Amino acid sequence: MENFNRTLLVCWFGVFTTSMGLSQIAPILPFYIKELGHVDTSEIAFYSGLAFGITPLFMAVFSPLWAFLGAKYGYKNMLLRASFGMSVLTLWLSFAHSALEVVFVRGLTGIISGFTSAAVVFIAVIAPKEKVAYALGTLSTASISGSLLGPLFGGFVAEFFSISAVFDVVAFLIACSFVTIYFFIHGRKIQKEAKKNTQKVKENKTLIIVLFITTFVIQFGTFGALIFCGICFYLQAVASNVYTLIFVRLLIGVGLGGLLPCVNALLKKSVSAKNLSVIFGFNQTCQFLGNFCGAFGGGLMASHFSVEFVFTFVCLIFIINAFIFLAFEKKYIFSNQGL
């Protein structure tokens, strides 16, 4: 148990730093591209959107591959690969000379990353059966807090130091994660524990597909949480002032915070251990596709209709997904002794 807690802590730190590294670029990217020059003012928004969106797009494509390789060569190796690669690429951004180079590096970041998906599968496999939901929920807090603090951290460092300093600091933190993984996670012992925790559960393809859809919608659970999030998204459309909007966004965070851990825990219970990494890889693909489609589709709808329309549309998507989940909940989850 001590070994598991240590592994969970190391993975938590790694997920936190990589999530921060991926999200911190959001508030500073337009300013950094403007600072680099070589592009017209009218092109800054285009290159900023391209550099921001290309990372989750490539992450969606390559997540299943890294999940498959993790099952074959070991999750520790995948964690080391992702943390080392992201550290180098984040540092590279501070030396970029053009907007195209920034887009190129961000694309490579999407290809080489996959730390979070590897960490989720790793923890799901080694966690004691009674602690799976707790462990995945704890790991989810690292992803959420890193994503939340990333833009704040990036803006703060850029304001008081420089934009390039943001990349230097984040690269250092991810490098620290690489070192802790190398010295404090022992592959052989973990692999032995993983075999001991293997569950021979028959694959349930229909439930897995529904959970994939739920993960996708969370990024663009339970029935009540989905309905709650849907209502909150609609409340954003009718918010009359910024304080109401902030409060509603807080409520959305409460609702969304528990959904992804629930989906991950249900996936863990619905598939056999030998296929767990591949299934989690495809689930991560749905998550990153949701990130990409949400950013791209939301901007497209806002430009053609209105921002309020985007919130209303997402509200409907959440409610539809809630009823899809409800339709399969009793048939597949409770029959398999679900959560």
C-alpha atoms as a PDB file:
ATOM      1  CA  MET A   1       0.000   0.000   0.000  1.00  0.00           C
ATOM      2  CA  GLU A   2       2.883   2.354   0.767  1.00  0.00           C
ATOM      3  CA  ASN A   3       4.307   1.709  -2.685  1.00  0.00           C
ATOM      4  CA  PHE A   4       0.931   2.457  -4.284  1.00  0.00           C
ATOM      5  CA  ASN A   5       0.511   5.734  -2.371  1.00  0.00           C
ATOM      6  CA  ARG A   6       3.985   6.832  -3.420  1.00  0.00           C
ATOM      7  CA  THR A   7       3.252   5.958  -7.042  1.00  0.00           C
ATOM      8  CA  LEU A   8      -0.046   7.852  -6.906  1.00  0.00           C
ATOM      9  CA  LEU A   9       1.717  10.922  -5.496  1.00  0.00           C
ATOM     10  CA  VAL A  10       4.423  10.830  -8.187  1.00  0.00           C
ATOM     11  CA  CYS A  11       1.836  10.420 -10.949  1.00  0.00           C
ATOM     12  CA  TRP A  12      -0.256  13.228  -9.444  1.00  0.00           C
ATOM     13  CA  PHE A  13       2.694  15.608  -9.614  1.00  0.00           C
ATOM     14  CA  GLY A  14       3.434  14.555 -13.186  1.00  0.00           C
ATOM     15  CA  VAL A  15      -0.155  15.016 -14.357  1.00  0.00           C
ATOM     16  CA  PHE A  16      -0.292  18.392 -12.602  1.00  0.00           C
ATOM     17  CA  THR A  17       2.861  19.730 -14.264  1.00  0.00           C
ATOM     18  CA  THR A  18       2.023  18.401 -17.733  1.00  0.00           C
ATOM     19  CA  SER A  19      -1.535  19.763 -17.523  1.00  0.00           C
ATOM     20  CA  MET A  20      -0.120  23.104 -16.469  1.00  0.00           C
ATOM     21  CA  GLY A  21       2.343  22.985 -19.341  1.00  0.00           C
ATOM     22  CA  LEU A  22      -0.387  22.293 -21.897  1.00  0.00           C
ATOM     23  CA  SER A  23      -2.782  24.953 -20.590  1.00  0.00           C
ATOM     24  CA  GLN A  24      -0.442  27.796 -19.620  1.00  0.00           C
ATOM     25  CA  ILE A  25       0.043  28.825 -23.230  1.00  0.00           C
ATOM     26  CA  ALA A  26      -3.602  29.925 -23.643  1.00  0.00           C
ATOM     27  CA  PRO A  27      -3.417  33.503 -22.283  1.00  0.00           C
ATOM     28  CA  ILE A  28       0.070  34.300 -23.590  1.00  0.00           C
ATOM     29  CA  LEU A  29       0.089  32.687 -27.027  1.00  0.00           C
ATOM     30  CA  PRO A  30      -1.251  35.685 -29.003  1.00  0.00           C
ATOM     31  CA  PHE A  31       1.208  38.011 -27.256  1.00  0.00           C
ATOM     32  CA  TYR A  32       4.109  35.629 -27.843  1.00  0.00           C
ATOM     33  CA  ILE A  33       3.345  35.308 -31.558  1.00  0.00           C
ATOM     34  CA  LYS A  34       3.038  39.087 -31.792  1.00  0.00           C
ATOM     35  CA  GLU A  35       6.372  39.454 -29.980  1.00  0.00           C
ATOM     36  CA  LEU A  36       8.062  37.064 -32.419  1.00  0.00           C
ATOM     37  CA  GLY A  37       6.936  39.157 -35.380  1.00  0.00           C
ATOM     38  CA  HIS A  38       7.030  37.943 -39.000  1.00  0.00           C
ATOM     39  CA  VAL A  39       3.197  37.932 -39.156  1.00  0.00           C
ATOM     40  CA  ASP A  40       0.615  40.615 -39.830  1.00  0.00           C
ATOM     41  CA  THR A  41      -1.660  41.758 -37.030  1.00  0.00           C
ATOM     42  CA  SER A  42      -4.616  40.173 -38.823  1.00  0.00           C
ATOM     43  CA  GLU A  43      -2.833  36.792 -38.817  1.00  0.00           C
ATOM     44  CA  ILE A  44      -2.093  36.657 -35.084  1.00  0.00           C
ATOM     45  CA  ALA A  45      -5.524  35.234 -34.215  1.00  0.00           C
ATOM     46  CA  PHE A  46      -5.202  32.581 -36.931  1.00  0.00           C
ATOM     47  CA  TYR A  47      -1.776  31.356 -35.826  1.00  0.00           C
ATOM     48  CA  SER A  48      -2.780  31.500 -32.156  1.00  0.00           C
ATOM     49  CA  GLY A  49      -5.843  29.349 -32.791  1.00  0.00           C
ATOM     50  CA  LEU A  50      -3.842  26.939 -34.940  1.00  0.00           C
ATOM     51  CA  ALA A  51      -1.076  26.585 -32.358  1.00  0.00           C
ATOM     52  CA  PHE A  52      -3.594  26.099 -29.563  1.00  0.00           C
ATOM     53  CA  GLY A  53      -5.815  23.594 -31.394  1.00  0.00           C
ATOM     54  CA  ILE A  54      -3.164  21.446 -33.055  1.00  0.00           C
ATOM     55  CA  THR A  55      -1.967  19.995 -29.745  1.00  0.00           C
ATOM     56  CA  PRO A  56      -5.230  18.313 -28.624  1.00  0.00           C
ATOM     57  CA  LEU A  57      -5.870  17.232 -32.228  1.00  0.00           C
ATOM     58  CA  PHE A  58      -2.591  15.296 -32.415  1.00  0.00           C
ATOM     59  CA  MET A  59      -3.070  14.048 -28.858  1.00  0.00           C
ATOM     60  CA  ALA A  60      -6.382  12.537 -29.958  1.00  0.00           C
ATOM     61  CA  VAL A  61      -4.701  10.756 -32.867  1.00  0.00           C
ATOM     62  CA  PHE A  62      -1.697   9.368 -30.986  1.00  0.00           C
ATOM     63  CA  SER A  63      -3.208   8.522 -27.558  1.00  0.00           C
ATOM     64  CA  PRO A  64      -4.282   4.977 -28.574  1.00  0.00           C
ATOM     65  CA  LEU A  65      -0.782   4.309 -29.924  1.00  0.00           C
ATOM     66  CA  TRP A  66       0.929   5.330 -26.691  1.00  0.00           C
ATOM     67  CA  ALA A  67      -1.629   3.322 -24.697  1.00  0.00           C
ATOM     68  CA  PHE A  68      -0.858   0.222 -26.777  1.00  0.00           C
ATOM     69  CA  LEU A  69       2.899   0.717 -26.387  1.00  0.00           C
ATOM     70  CA  GLY A  70       2.426   1.260 -22.663  1.00  0.00           C
ATOM     71  CA  ALA A  71       0.780  -2.140 -22.307  1.00  0.00           C
ATOM     72  CA  LYS A  72       3.589  -3.712 -24.328  1.00  0.00           C
ATOM     73  CA  TYR A  73       6.689  -1.976 -22.963  1.00  0.00           C
ATOM     74  CA  GLY A  74       5.543  -0.759 -19.556  1.00  0.00           C
ATOM     75  CA  TYR A  75       3.739   2.320 -18.294  1.00  0.00           C
ATOM     76  CA  LYS A  76       6.801   3.669 -16.523  1.00  0.00           C
ATOM     77  CA  ASN A  77       8.598   3.909 -19.866  1.00  0.00           C
ATOM     78  CA  MET A  78       5.649   5.807 -21.345  1.00  0.00           C
ATOM     79  CA  LEU A  79       5.628   8.217 -18.405  1.00  0.00           C
ATOM     80  CA  LEU A  80       9.359   8.818 -18.822  1.00  0.00           C
ATOM     81  CA  ARG A  81       9.001   9.293 -22.588  1.00  0.00           C
ATOM     82  CA  ALA A  82       6.159  11.784 -22.248  1.00  0.00           C
ATOM     83  CA  SER A  83       7.694  13.827 -19.421  1.00  0.00           C
ATOM     84  CA  PHE A  84      11.130  14.014 -21.052  1.00  0.00           C
ATOM     85  CA  GLY A  85       9.691  14.906 -24.458  1.00  0.00           C
ATOM     86  CA  MET A  86       7.343  17.567 -23.099  1.00  0.00           C
ATOM     87  CA  SER A  87      10.125  19.105 -21.029  1.00  0.00           C
ATOM     88  CA  VAL A  88      12.381  19.451 -24.088  1.00  0.00           C
ATOM     89  CA  LEU A  89       9.594  20.743 -26.350  1.00  0.00           C
ATOM     90  CA  THR A  90       8.345  23.262 -23.782  1.00  0.00           C
ATOM     91  CA  LEU A  91      11.897  24.584 -23.426  1.00  0.00           C
ATOM     92  CA  TRP A  92      12.134  24.746 -27.231  1.00  0.00           C
ATOM     93  CA  LEU A  93       9.190  27.162 -27.296  1.00  0.00           C
ATOM     94  CA  SER A  94      11.230  29.764 -25.432  1.00  0.00           C
ATOM     95  CA  PHE A  95      13.747  29.753 -28.303  1.00  0.00           C
ATOM     96  CA  ALA A  96      11.212  29.832 -31.157  1.00  0.00           C
ATOM     97  CA  HIS A  97      11.830  32.389 -33.913  1.00  0.00           C
ATOM     98  CA  SER A  98       8.522  32.419 -35.793  1.00  0.00           C
ATOM     99  CA  ALA A  99       4.822  31.652 -35.496  1.00  0.00           C
ATOM    100  CA  LEU A 100       5.222  28.633 -37.767  1.00  0.00           C
ATOM    101  CA  GLU A 101       7.892  27.240 -35.465  1.00  0.00           C
ATOM    102  CA  VAL A 102       5.531  27.651 -32.502  1.00  0.00           C
ATOM    103  CA  VAL A 103       2.816  25.757 -34.400  1.00  0.00           C
ATOM    104  CA  PHE A 104       5.345  23.048 -35.302  1.00  0.00           C
ATOM    105  CA  VAL A 105       6.511  22.614 -31.704  1.00  0.00           C
ATOM    106  CA  ARG A 106       2.934  22.549 -30.433  1.00  0.00           C
ATOM    107  CA  GLY A 107       2.168  19.837 -32.971  1.00  0.00           C
ATOM    108  CA  LEU A 108       5.143  17.785 -31.765  1.00  0.00           C
ATOM    109  CA  THR A 109       3.919  18.304 -28.202  1.00  0.00           C
ATOM    110  CA  GLY A 110       0.590  16.758 -29.144  1.00  0.00           C
ATOM    111  CA  ILE A 111       2.367  13.785 -30.715  1.00  0.00           C
ATOM    112  CA  ILE A 112       4.851  13.122 -27.915  1.00  0.00           C
ATOM    113  CA  SER A 113       2.508  13.731 -24.979  1.00  0.00           C
ATOM    114  CA  GLY A 114       0.181  11.154 -23.508  1.00  0.00           C
ATOM    115  CA  PHE A 115       1.361  11.413 -19.927  1.00  0.00           C
ATOM    116  CA  THR A 116      -2.116  11.730 -18.449  1.00  0.00           C
ATOM    117  CA  SER A 117      -3.558   8.733 -20.287  1.00  0.00           C
ATOM    118  CA  ALA A 118      -0.549   6.586 -19.310  1.00  0.00           C
ATOM    119  CA  ALA A 119      -0.831   7.706 -15.683  1.00  0.00           C
ATOM    120  CA  VAL A 120      -4.580   6.990 -15.570  1.00  0.00           C
ATOM    121  CA  VAL A 121      -4.144   3.457 -16.934  1.00  0.00           C
ATOM    122  CA  PHE A 122      -1.124   2.865 -14.691  1.00  0.00           C
ATOM    123  CA  ILE A 123      -3.024   3.850 -11.543  1.00  0.00           C
ATOM    124  CA  ALA A 124      -6.180   1.985 -12.622  1.00  0.00           C
ATOM    125  CA  VAL A 125      -4.188  -1.229 -13.055  1.00  0.00           C
ATOM    126  CA  ILE A 126      -2.157  -1.110  -9.834  1.00  0.00           C
ATOM    127  CA  ALA A 127      -4.818   0.333  -7.512  1.00  0.00           C
ATOM    128  CA  PRO A 128      -6.460  -2.034  -5.014  1.00  0.00           C
ATOM    129  CA  LYS A 129     -10.007  -2.814  -6.123  1.00  0.00           C
ATOM    130  CA  GLU A 130     -11.613  -0.854  -3.293  1.00  0.00           C
ATOM    131  CA  LYS A 131      -9.480   2.228  -4.024  1.00  0.00           C
ATOM    132  CA  VAL A 132      -9.884   2.505  -7.813  1.00  0.00           C
ATOM    133  CA  ALA A 133     -12.491   5.289  -7.726  1.00  0.00           C
ATOM    134  CA  TYR A 134     -10.567   7.182  -5.029  1.00  0.00           C
ATOM    135  CA  ALA A 135      -7.265   6.907  -6.920  1.00  0.00           C
ATOM    136  CA  LEU A 136      -8.720   8.006 -10.264  1.00  0.00           C
ATOM    137  CA  GLY A 137     -10.565  10.857  -8.582  1.00  0.00           C
ATOM    138  CA  THR A 138      -7.353  11.998  -6.903  1.00  0.00           C
ATOM    139  CA  LEU A 139      -5.523  11.859 -10.226  1.00  0.00           C
ATOM    140  CA  SER A 140      -8.315  13.870 -11.821  1.00  0.00           C
ATOM    141  CA  THR A 141      -7.719  16.701  -9.338  1.00  0.00           C
ATOM    142  CA  ALA A 142      -4.170  16.991 -10.695  1.00  0.00           C
ATOM    143  CA  SER A 143      -5.411  17.406 -14.263  1.00  0.00           C
ATOM    144  CA  ILE A 144      -8.104  19.901 -13.303  1.00  0.00           C
ATOM    145  CA  SER A 145      -5.928  21.985 -10.970  1.00  0.00           C
ATOM    146  CA  GLY A 146      -3.056  22.007 -13.482  1.00  0.00           C
ATOM    147  CA  SER A 147      -5.385  23.145 -16.255  1.00  0.00           C
ATOM    148  CA  LEU A 148      -6.859  25.845 -14.016  1.00  0.00           C
ATOM    149  CA  LEU A 149      -3.578  27.160 -12.632  1.00  0.00           C
ATOM    150  CA  GLY A 150      -1.725  26.957 -15.956  1.00  0.00           C
ATOM    151  CA  PRO A 151      -3.252  30.076 -17.551  1.00  0.00           C
ATOM    152  CA  LEU A 152      -3.024  31.974 -14.243  1.00  0.00           C
ATOM    153  CA  PHE A 153       0.605  30.956 -13.770  1.00  0.00           C
ATOM    154  CA  GLY A 154       1.463  31.763 -17.384  1.00  0.00           C
ATOM    155  CA  GLY A 155      -0.070  35.210 -17.173  1.00  0.00           C
ATOM    156  CA  PHE A 156       1.637  35.980 -13.857  1.00  0.00           C
ATOM    157  CA  VAL A 157       5.143  34.955 -14.948  1.00  0.00           C
ATOM    158  CA  ALA A 158       4.754  36.691 -18.314  1.00  0.00           C
ATOM    159  CA  GLU A 159       3.656  39.901 -16.603  1.00  0.00           C
ATOM    160  CA  PHE A 160       6.486  40.091 -14.058  1.00  0.00           C
ATOM    161  CA  PHE A 161       9.291  38.419 -16.018  1.00  0.00           C
ATOM    162  CA  SER A 162       8.885  37.500 -19.682  1.00  0.00           C
ATOM    163  CA  ILE A 163       6.853  35.200 -21.880  1.00  0.00           C
ATOM    164  CA  SER A 164       9.833  32.956 -22.581  1.00  0.00           C
ATOM    165  CA  ALA A 165      10.365  32.584 -18.813  1.00  0.00           C
ATOM    166  CA  VAL A 166       6.987  30.831 -18.619  1.00  0.00           C
ATOM    167  CA  PHE A 167       8.218  28.046 -20.871  1.00  0.00           C
ATOM    168  CA  ASP A 168      11.496  27.767 -18.951  1.00  0.00           C
ATOM    169  CA  VAL A 169       9.772  27.318 -15.585  1.00  0.00           C
ATOM    170  CA  VAL A 170       7.222  24.801 -16.875  1.00  0.00           C
ATOM    171  CA  ALA A 171       9.977  22.823 -18.633  1.00  0.00           C
ATOM    172  CA  PHE A 172      11.864  22.671 -15.330  1.00  0.00           C
ATOM    173  CA  LEU A 173       8.787  21.416 -13.437  1.00  0.00           C
ATOM    174  CA  ILE A 174       8.110  18.693 -16.013  1.00  0.00           C
ATOM    175  CA  ALA A 175      11.796  17.712 -15.851  1.00  0.00           C
ATOM    176  CA  CYS A 176      11.396  17.351 -12.074  1.00  0.00           C
ATOM    177  CA  SER A 177       8.486  15.014 -12.768  1.00  0.00           C
ATOM    178  CA  PHE A 178      10.749  12.942 -15.041  1.00  0.00           C
ATOM    179  CA  VAL A 179      13.326  12.613 -12.256  1.00  0.00           C
ATOM    180  CA  THR A 180      10.771  11.579  -9.610  1.00  0.00           C
ATOM    181  CA  ILE A 181       9.278   8.952 -11.942  1.00  0.00           C
ATOM    182  CA  TYR A 182      12.706   7.542 -12.758  1.00  0.00           C
ATOM    183  CA  PHE A 183      13.784   7.161  -9.121  1.00  0.00           C
ATOM    184  CA  PHE A 184      10.531   6.525  -7.219  1.00  0.00           C
ATOM    185  CA  ILE A 185       8.491   4.269  -9.513  1.00  0.00           C
ATOM    186  CA  HIS A 186       9.833   0.739  -9.794  1.00  0.00           C
ATOM    187  CA  GLY A 187       8.619  -0.971 -12.942  1.00  0.00           C
ATOM    188  CA  ARG A 188       9.140  -4.610 -11.938  1.00  0.00           C
ATOM    189  CA  LYS A 189       7.294  -4.427  -8.651  1.00  0.00           C
ATOM    190  CA  ILE A 190       4.427  -2.460 -10.145  1.00  0.00           C
ATOM    191  CA  GLN A 191       4.116  -4.965 -12.971  1.00  0.00           C
ATOM    192  CA  LYS A 192       3.813  -7.766 -10.429  1.00  0.00           C
ATOM    193  CA  GLU A 193       1.067  -5.907  -8.583  1.00  0.00           C
ATOM    194  CA  ALA A 194      -0.753  -5.242 -11.829  1.00  0.00           C
ATOM    195  CA  LYS A 195      -0.912  -8.967 -12.601  1.00  0.00           C
ATOM    196  CA  LYS A 196      -2.277  -9.654  -9.140  1.00  0.00           C
ATOM    197  CA  ASN A 197      -5.053  -7.084  -9.661  1.00  0.00           C
ATOM    198  CA  THR A 198      -6.108  -8.408 -13.086  1.00  0.00           C
ATOM    199  CA  GLN A 199      -9.901  -8.751 -13.302  1.00  0.00           C
ATOM    200  CA  LYS A 200     -11.456 -11.187 -15.747  1.00  0.00           C
ATOM    201  CA  VAL A 201     -14.435  -9.055 -16.746  1.00  0.00           C
ATOM    202  CA  LYS A 202     -16.189  -9.666 -20.053  1.00  0.00           C
ATOM    203  CA  GLU A 203     -15.957  -6.736 -22.505  1.00  0.00           C
ATOM    204  CA  ASN A 204     -19.136  -4.672 -22.781  1.00  0.00           C
ATOM    205  CA  LYS A 205     -18.795  -2.836 -26.059  1.00  0.00           C
ATOM    206  CA  THR A 206     -22.101  -0.931 -25.847  1.00  0.00           C
ATOM    207  CA  LEU A 207     -21.360   0.523 -22.423  1.00  0.00           C
ATOM    208  CA  ILE A 208     -17.834   1.464 -23.489  1.00  0.00           C
ATOM    209  CA  ILE A 209     -19.160   3.386 -26.497  1.00  0.00           C
ATOM    210  CA  VAL A 210     -21.641   5.258 -24.280  1.00  0.00           C
ATOM    211  CA  LEU A 211     -18.821   6.150 -21.873  1.00  0.00           C
ATOM    212  CA  PHE A 212     -16.693   7.382 -24.783  1.00  0.00           C
ATOM    213  CA  ILE A 213     -19.562   9.660 -25.848  1.00  0.00           C
ATOM    214  CA  THR A 214     -19.885  10.906 -22.275  1.00  0.00           C
ATOM    215  CA  THR A 215     -16.165  11.733 -22.138  1.00  0.00           C
ATOM    216  CA  PHE A 216     -16.447  13.583 -25.454  1.00  0.00           C
ATOM    217  CA  VAL A 217     -19.415  15.629 -24.199  1.00  0.00           C
ATOM    218  CA  ILE A 218     -17.701  16.481 -20.912  1.00  0.00           C
ATOM    219  CA  GLN A 219     -14.928  18.188 -22.868  1.00  0.00           C
ATOM    220  CA  PHE A 220     -17.048  20.124 -25.685  1.00  0.00           C
ATOM    221  CA  GLY A 221     -20.947  10.123 -14.556  1.00  0.00           C
ATOM    222  CA  THR A 222     -24.040  10.261 -13.473  1.00  0.00           C
ATOM    223  CA  PHE A 223     -27.415  11.210 -14.853  1.00  0.00           C
ATOM    224  CA  GLY A 224     -27.910  13.929 -12.247  1.00  0.00           C
ATOM    225  CA  ALA A 225     -24.476  15.467 -12.807  1.00  0.00           C
ATOM    226  CA  LEU A 226     -24.999  15.603 -16.580  1.00  0.00           C
ATOM    227  CA  ILE A 227     -28.408  17.263 -16.171  1.00  0.00           C
ATOM    228  CA  PHE A 228     -26.922  19.665 -13.617  1.00  0.00           C
ATOM    229  CA  CYS A 229     -24.112  20.648 -15.997  1.00  0.00           C
ATOM    230  CA  GLY A 230     -26.589  21.061 -18.837  1.00  0.00           C
ATOM    231  CA  ILE A 231     -28.732  23.444 -16.798  1.00  0.00           C
ATOM    232  CA  CYS A 232     -25.667  25.409 -15.700  1.00  0.00           C
ATOM    233  CA  PHE A 233     -24.517  25.831 -19.300  1.00  0.00           C
ATOM    234  CA  TYR A 234     -27.917  27.286 -20.136  1.00  0.00           C
ATOM    235  CA  LEU A 235     -27.659  29.657 -17.152  1.00  0.00           C
ATOM    236  CA  GLN A 236     -24.478  31.044 -18.713  1.00  0.00           C
ATOM    237  CA  ALA A 237     -26.503  32.057 -21.752  1.00  0.00           C
ATOM    238  CA  VAL A 238     -28.889  34.139 -19.627  1.00  0.00           C
ATOM    239  CA  ALA A 239     -26.336  35.522 -17.141  1.00  0.00           C
ATOM    240  CA  SER A 240     -26.882  39.254 -16.693  1.00  0.00           C
ATOM    241  CA  ASN A 241     -23.468  40.206 -15.281  1.00  0.00           C
ATOM    242  CA  VAL A 242     -19.936  38.904 -14.864  1.00  0.00           C
ATOM    243  CA  TYR A 243     -20.444  37.894 -11.211  1.00  0.00           C
ATOM    244  CA  THR A 244     -23.371  35.648 -12.105  1.00  0.00           C
ATOM    245  CA  LEU A 245     -21.273  34.128 -14.875  1.00  0.00           C
ATOM    246  CA  ILE A 246     -18.404  33.409 -12.458  1.00  0.00           C
ATOM    247  CA  PHE A 247     -20.800  31.760  -9.996  1.00  0.00           C
ATOM    248  CA  VAL A 248     -22.345  29.577 -12.706  1.00  0.00           C
ATOM    249  CA  ARG A 249     -18.872  28.596 -13.944  1.00  0.00           C
ATOM    250  CA  LEU A 250     -18.065  27.529 -10.379  1.00  0.00           C
ATOM    251  CA  LEU A 251     -21.173  25.327 -10.332  1.00  0.00           C
ATOM    252  CA  ILE A 252     -20.134  23.779 -13.647  1.00  0.00           C
ATOM    253  CA  GLY A 253     -16.752  22.943 -12.129  1.00  0.00           C
ATOM    254  CA  VAL A 254     -18.516  21.163  -9.269  1.00  0.00           C
ATOM    255  CA  GLY A 255     -20.569  19.119 -11.721  1.00  0.00           C
ATOM    256  CA  LEU A 256     -17.765  18.281 -14.140  1.00  0.00           C
ATOM    257  CA  GLY A 257     -15.224  17.521 -11.420  1.00  0.00           C
ATOM    258  CA  GLY A 258     -16.757  14.140 -10.624  1.00  0.00           C
ATOM    259  CA  LEU A 259     -17.750  13.011 -14.111  1.00  0.00           C
ATOM    260  CA  LEU A 260     -14.414  11.980 -15.638  1.00  0.00           C
ATOM    261  CA  PRO A 261     -13.323   9.940 -12.579  1.00  0.00           C
ATOM    262  CA  CYS A 262     -16.703   8.150 -12.703  1.00  0.00           C
ATOM    263  CA  VAL A 263     -16.256   7.371 -16.397  1.00  0.00           C
ATOM    264  CA  ASN A 264     -12.717   6.074 -15.793  1.00  0.00           C
ATOM    265  CA  ALA A 265     -13.857   3.915 -12.876  1.00  0.00           C
ATOM    266  CA  LEU A 266     -16.715   2.440 -14.944  1.00  0.00           C
ATOM    267  CA  LEU A 267     -14.334   1.676 -17.795  1.00  0.00           C
ATOM    268  CA  LYS A 268     -12.047  -0.073 -15.321  1.00  0.00           C
ATOM    269  CA  LYS A 269     -14.957  -2.286 -14.233  1.00  0.00           C
ATOM    270  CA  SER A 270     -16.185  -2.956 -17.773  1.00  0.00           C
ATOM    271  CA  VAL A 271     -13.066  -4.348 -19.467  1.00  0.00           C
ATOM    272  CA  SER A 272     -10.451  -6.962 -18.744  1.00  0.00           C
ATOM    273  CA  ALA A 273      -7.019  -5.812 -17.606  1.00  0.00           C
ATOM    274  CA  LYS A 274      -5.295  -6.939 -20.808  1.00  0.00           C
ATOM    275  CA  ASN A 275      -7.396  -4.504 -22.885  1.00  0.00           C
ATOM    276  CA  LEU A 276      -7.541  -1.709 -20.326  1.00  0.00           C
ATOM    277  CA  SER A 277      -4.729   0.392 -21.792  1.00  0.00           C
ATOM    278  CA  VAL A 278      -6.176   0.384 -25.319  1.00  0.00           C
ATOM    279  CA  ILE A 279      -9.674   1.280 -24.073  1.00  0.00           C
ATOM    280  CA  PHE A 280      -8.304   4.122 -21.943  1.00  0.00           C
ATOM    281  CA  GLY A 281      -6.300   5.299 -24.932  1.00  0.00           C
ATOM    282  CA  PHE A 282      -9.434   5.591 -27.058  1.00  0.00           C
ATOM    283  CA  ASN A 283     -11.204   7.293 -24.161  1.00  0.00           C
ATOM    284  CA  GLN A 284      -8.419   9.884 -24.061  1.00  0.00           C
ATOM    285  CA  THR A 285      -8.866  10.315 -27.816  1.00  0.00           C
ATOM    286  CA  CYS A 286     -12.509  11.223 -27.223  1.00  0.00           C
ATOM    287  CA  GLN A 287     -11.444  13.678 -24.537  1.00  0.00           C
ATOM    288  CA  PHE A 288      -8.920  15.452 -26.746  1.00  0.00           C
ATOM    289  CA  LEU A 289     -11.296  15.439 -29.725  1.00  0.00           C
ATOM    290  CA  GLY A 290     -13.837  17.071 -27.435  1.00  0.00           C
ATOM    291  CA  ASN A 291     -11.275  19.731 -26.536  1.00  0.00           C
ATOM    292  CA  PHE A 292     -10.513  20.395 -30.191  1.00  0.00           C
ATOM    293  CA  CYS A 293     -14.119  20.313 -31.424  1.00  0.00           C
ATOM    294  CA  GLY A 294     -15.266  22.417 -28.489  1.00  0.00           C
ATOM    295  CA  ALA A 295     -12.740  25.168 -29.196  1.00  0.00           C
ATOM    296  CA  PHE A 296     -13.172  25.064 -32.977  1.00  0.00           C
ATOM    297  CA  GLY A 297     -16.926  24.437 -33.053  1.00  0.00           C
ATOM    298  CA  GLY A 298     -17.652  26.921 -30.286  1.00  0.00           C
ATOM    299  CA  GLY A 299     -15.782  29.677 -32.083  1.00  0.00           C
ATOM    300  CA  LEU A 300     -17.507  28.823 -35.354  1.00  0.00           C
ATOM    301  CA  MET A 301     -20.991  28.895 -33.813  1.00  0.00           C
ATOM    302  CA  ALA A 302     -20.245  32.092 -31.907  1.00  0.00           C
ATOM    303  CA  SER A 303     -19.119  33.841 -35.101  1.00  0.00           C
ATOM    304  CA  HIS A 304     -22.174  32.728 -37.094  1.00  0.00           C
ATOM    305  CA  PHE A 305     -24.805  32.945 -34.362  1.00  0.00           C
ATOM    306  CA  SER A 306     -23.951  34.228 -30.863  1.00  0.00           C
ATOM    307  CA  VAL A 307     -22.088  33.298 -27.697  1.00  0.00           C
ATOM    308  CA  GLU A 308     -25.440  32.663 -25.993  1.00  0.00           C
ATOM    309  CA  PHE A 309     -26.286  30.142 -28.719  1.00  0.00           C
ATOM    310  CA  VAL A 310     -23.117  28.174 -27.906  1.00  0.00           C
ATOM    311  CA  PHE A 311     -24.111  27.821 -24.244  1.00  0.00           C
ATOM    312  CA  THR A 312     -27.643  26.744 -25.180  1.00  0.00           C
ATOM    313  CA  PHE A 313     -26.320  24.204 -27.689  1.00  0.00           C
ATOM    314  CA  VAL A 314     -23.935  22.665 -25.129  1.00  0.00           C
ATOM    315  CA  CYS A 315     -26.816  22.516 -22.628  1.00  0.00           C
ATOM    316  CA  LEU A 316     -28.844  20.402 -25.070  1.00  0.00           C
ATOM    317  CA  ILE A 317     -25.856  18.137 -25.777  1.00  0.00           C
ATOM    318  CA  PHE A 318     -25.366  17.451 -22.061  1.00  0.00           C
ATOM    319  CA  ILE A 319     -29.039  16.644 -21.510  1.00  0.00           C
ATOM    320  CA  ILE A 320     -29.177  14.333 -24.553  1.00  0.00           C
ATOM    321  CA  ASN A 321     -26.055  12.538 -23.301  1.00  0.00           C
ATOM    322  CA  ALA A 322     -27.633  12.186 -19.857  1.00  0.00           C
ATOM    323  CA  PHE A 323     -30.610  10.321 -21.304  1.00  0.00           C
ATOM    324  CA  ILE A 324     -28.331   8.130 -23.435  1.00  0.00           C
ATOM    325  CA  PHE A 325     -26.404   7.232 -20.290  1.00  0.00           C
ATOM    326  CA  LEU A 326     -29.647   6.592 -18.383  1.00  0.00           C
ATOM    327  CA  ALA A 327     -30.879   4.245 -21.123  1.00  0.00           C
ATOM    328  CA  PHE A 328     -27.863   1.954 -20.677  1.00  0.00           C
ATOM    329  CA  GLU A 329     -27.241   2.439 -16.953  1.00  0.00           C
ATOM    330  CA  LYS A 330     -29.494  -0.263 -15.491  1.00  0.00           C
ATOM    331  CA  LYS A 331     -28.966  -2.744 -18.305  1.00  0.00           C
ATOM    332  CA  TYR A 332     -25.166  -2.739 -18.294  1.00  0.00           C
ATOM    333  CA  ILE A 333     -23.821  -1.154 -15.128  1.00  0.00           C
ATOM    334  CA  PHE A 334     -25.914  -2.644 -12.372  1.00  0.00           C
ATOM    335  CA  SER A 335     -25.990  -6.038 -14.063  1.00  0.00           C
ATOM    336  CA  ASN A 336     -22.180  -6.030 -13.842  1.00  0.00           C
ATOM    337  CA  GLN A 337     -22.122  -4.766 -10.238  1.00  0.00           C
ATOM    338  CA  GLY A 338     -21.182  -1.242 -11.186  1.00  0.00           C
ATOM    339  CA  LEU A 339     -20.478   1.676  -8.958  1.00  0.00           C
END
